[in-house]
Amino acid sequence: MKRIGDVFEELSKSVPLFSEIKVRLIVSEWREIVGDLIARHTKVKKVENGVVYVLCDDPIWVAELSLQRRKIVEKLNKKAGENIFRDVVFRRG
């Protein structure tokens, strides 16, 4: 018998709805992925075509996190177990 997580993984690769649910579940764990300090100053606005759009409460955070963009994408993809995220865009908001 397959585990529910394995079934979900298979469905997320072939059914767009399940893929979207997987993306949303991962992004909902933003605080765990980036840590408390970054999470306090940011909010995920949307995910579109593998790009995560994040609002920051200060331009300094936009600049700092833009430099950490690749590292954050790696963490997101590690959490996903596959490369579904291509980039993170930080904006003041």
C-alpha atoms as a PDB file:
ATOM      1  CA  MET A   1       0.000   0.000   0.000  1.00  0.00           C
ATOM      2  CA  LYS A   2       1.292   3.477  -0.888  1.00  0.00           C
ATOM      3  CA  ARG A   3       1.659   6.216   1.670  1.00  0.00           C
ATOM      4  CA  ILE A   4      -0.563   9.271   1.188  1.00  0.00           C
ATOM      5  CA  GLY A   5       2.529  11.462   0.788  1.00  0.00           C
ATOM      6  CA  ASP A   6       3.779   9.293  -2.069  1.00  0.00           C
ATOM      7  CA  VAL A   7       0.406   9.433  -3.812  1.00  0.00           C
ATOM      8  CA  PHE A   8       0.335  13.211  -3.416  1.00  0.00           C
ATOM      9  CA  GLU A   9       3.860  13.457  -4.896  1.00  0.00           C
ATOM     10  CA  GLU A  10       2.828  11.445  -7.944  1.00  0.00           C
ATOM     11  CA  LEU A  11      -0.303  13.520  -8.444  1.00  0.00           C
ATOM     12  CA  SER A  12       1.580  16.815  -8.082  1.00  0.00           C
ATOM     13  CA  LYS A  13       3.775  15.831 -11.034  1.00  0.00           C
ATOM     14  CA  SER A  14       0.899  15.033 -13.363  1.00  0.00           C
ATOM     15  CA  VAL A  15      -2.129  17.050 -12.222  1.00  0.00           C
ATOM     16  CA  PRO A  16      -1.779  20.868 -12.235  1.00  0.00           C
ATOM     17  CA  LEU A  17      -4.153  21.307  -9.289  1.00  0.00           C
ATOM     18  CA  PHE A  18      -2.001  19.099  -7.062  1.00  0.00           C
ATOM     19  CA  SER A  19       1.121  20.903  -8.241  1.00  0.00           C
ATOM     20  CA  GLU A  20      -0.431  24.218  -7.181  1.00  0.00           C
ATOM     21  CA  ILE A  21      -1.399  22.772  -3.809  1.00  0.00           C
ATOM     22  CA  LYS A  22       2.179  21.566  -3.292  1.00  0.00           C
ATOM     23  CA  VAL A  23       3.555  25.038  -4.071  1.00  0.00           C
ATOM     24  CA  ARG A  24       1.111  26.655  -1.653  1.00  0.00           C
ATOM     25  CA  LEU A  25       1.934  24.154   1.102  1.00  0.00           C
ATOM     26  CA  ILE A  26       5.644  24.846   0.743  1.00  0.00           C
ATOM     27  CA  VAL A  27       5.187  28.623   0.684  1.00  0.00           C
ATOM     28  CA  SER A  28       2.970  28.375   3.781  1.00  0.00           C
ATOM     29  CA  GLU A  29       6.112  27.206   5.599  1.00  0.00           C
ATOM     30  CA  TRP A  30       7.972  30.422   4.708  1.00  0.00           C
ATOM     31  CA  ARG A  31       8.921  31.119   8.351  1.00  0.00           C
ATOM     32  CA  GLU A  32      10.450  27.654   8.747  1.00  0.00           C
ATOM     33  CA  ILE A  33      12.332  27.977   5.451  1.00  0.00           C
ATOM     34  CA  VAL A  34      13.812  31.475   5.901  1.00  0.00           C
ATOM     35  CA  GLY A  35      13.835  31.765   9.687  1.00  0.00           C
ATOM     36  CA  ASP A  36      12.062  34.045  12.158  1.00  0.00           C
ATOM     37  CA  LEU A  37      14.090  37.195  11.514  1.00  0.00           C
ATOM     38  CA  ILE A  38      13.489  37.264   7.757  1.00  0.00           C
ATOM     39  CA  ALA A  39       9.880  36.118   8.149  1.00  0.00           C
ATOM     40  CA  ARG A  40       9.139  39.052  10.484  1.00  0.00           C
ATOM     41  CA  HIS A  41      10.097  41.486   7.712  1.00  0.00           C
ATOM     42  CA  THR A  42       8.617  39.687   4.701  1.00  0.00           C
ATOM     43  CA  LYS A  43       5.385  38.258   3.336  1.00  0.00           C
ATOM     44  CA  VAL A  44       4.929  36.013   0.303  1.00  0.00           C
ATOM     45  CA  LYS A  45       2.573  37.844  -2.047  1.00  0.00           C
ATOM     46  CA  LYS A  46       2.229  35.228  -4.807  1.00  0.00           C
ATOM     47  CA  VAL A  47       3.926  32.461  -6.747  1.00  0.00           C
ATOM     48  CA  GLU A  48       3.727  32.562 -10.518  1.00  0.00           C
ATOM     49  CA  ASN A  49       5.541  30.329 -13.016  1.00  0.00           C
ATOM     50  CA  GLY A  50       8.069  29.191 -10.426  1.00  0.00           C
ATOM     51  CA  VAL A  51       8.818  32.730  -9.220  1.00  0.00           C
ATOM     52  CA  VAL A  52       8.031  33.652  -5.614  1.00  0.00           C
ATOM     53  CA  TYR A  53       7.121  37.329  -5.145  1.00  0.00           C
ATOM     54  CA  VAL A  54       7.869  38.582  -1.641  1.00  0.00           C
ATOM     55  CA  LEU A  55       7.000  41.907  -0.021  1.00  0.00           C
ATOM     56  CA  CYS A  56       9.515  43.408   2.412  1.00  0.00           C
ATOM     57  CA  ASP A  57       8.776  46.036   5.043  1.00  0.00           C
ATOM     58  CA  ASP A  58      11.933  48.061   4.348  1.00  0.00           C
ATOM     59  CA  PRO A  59      14.127  48.762   1.296  1.00  0.00           C
ATOM     60  CA  ILE A  60      17.158  47.517   3.229  1.00  0.00           C
ATOM     61  CA  TRP A  61      15.544  44.074   3.448  1.00  0.00           C
ATOM     62  CA  VAL A  62      14.821  44.169  -0.282  1.00  0.00           C
ATOM     63  CA  ALA A  63      18.522  44.801  -0.962  1.00  0.00           C
ATOM     64  CA  GLU A  64      19.802  42.241   1.547  1.00  0.00           C
ATOM     65  CA  LEU A  65      17.450  39.456   0.535  1.00  0.00           C
ATOM     66  CA  SER A  66      18.035  40.065  -3.162  1.00  0.00           C
ATOM     67  CA  LEU A  67      21.647  39.109  -2.460  1.00  0.00           C
ATOM     68  CA  GLN A  68      20.445  35.900  -0.750  1.00  0.00           C
ATOM     69  CA  ARG A  69      17.996  35.041  -3.546  1.00  0.00           C
ATOM     70  CA  ARG A  70      19.778  31.920  -4.816  1.00  0.00           C
ATOM     71  CA  LYS A  71      20.181  30.503  -1.323  1.00  0.00           C
ATOM     72  CA  ILE A  72      16.460  30.986  -0.631  1.00  0.00           C
ATOM     73  CA  VAL A  73      15.502  29.324  -3.938  1.00  0.00           C
ATOM     74  CA  GLU A  74      17.717  26.369  -2.972  1.00  0.00           C
ATOM     75  CA  LYS A  75      15.957  26.096   0.397  1.00  0.00           C
ATOM     76  CA  LEU A  76      12.518  26.224  -1.236  1.00  0.00           C
ATOM     77  CA  ASN A  77      13.461  23.537  -3.749  1.00  0.00           C
ATOM     78  CA  LYS A  78      14.995  21.388  -1.038  1.00  0.00           C
ATOM     79  CA  LYS A  79      11.739  21.590   0.899  1.00  0.00           C
ATOM     80  CA  ALA A  80       9.846  20.684  -2.309  1.00  0.00           C
ATOM     81  CA  GLY A  81      12.112  17.747  -3.059  1.00  0.00           C
ATOM     82  CA  GLU A  82      12.439  18.945  -6.645  1.00  0.00           C
ATOM     83  CA  ASN A  83      13.306  22.094  -8.582  1.00  0.00           C
ATOM     84  CA  ILE A  84       9.932  23.775  -8.899  1.00  0.00           C
ATOM     85  CA  PHE A  85      11.054  27.274  -7.864  1.00  0.00           C
ATOM     86  CA  ARG A  86      13.168  29.321 -10.301  1.00  0.00           C
ATOM     87  CA  ASP A  87      13.564  32.670  -8.557  1.00  0.00           C
ATOM     88  CA  VAL A  88      12.493  34.927  -5.714  1.00  0.00           C
ATOM     89  CA  VAL A  89      11.711  38.589  -6.345  1.00  0.00           C
ATOM     90  CA  PHE A  90      11.748  40.974  -3.394  1.00  0.00           C
ATOM     91  CA  ARG A  91       9.805  44.234  -3.461  1.00  0.00           C
ATOM     92  CA  ARG A  92       8.938  46.950  -0.985  1.00  0.00           C
ATOM     93  CA  GLY A  93       5.381  46.600   0.207  1.00  0.00           C
END
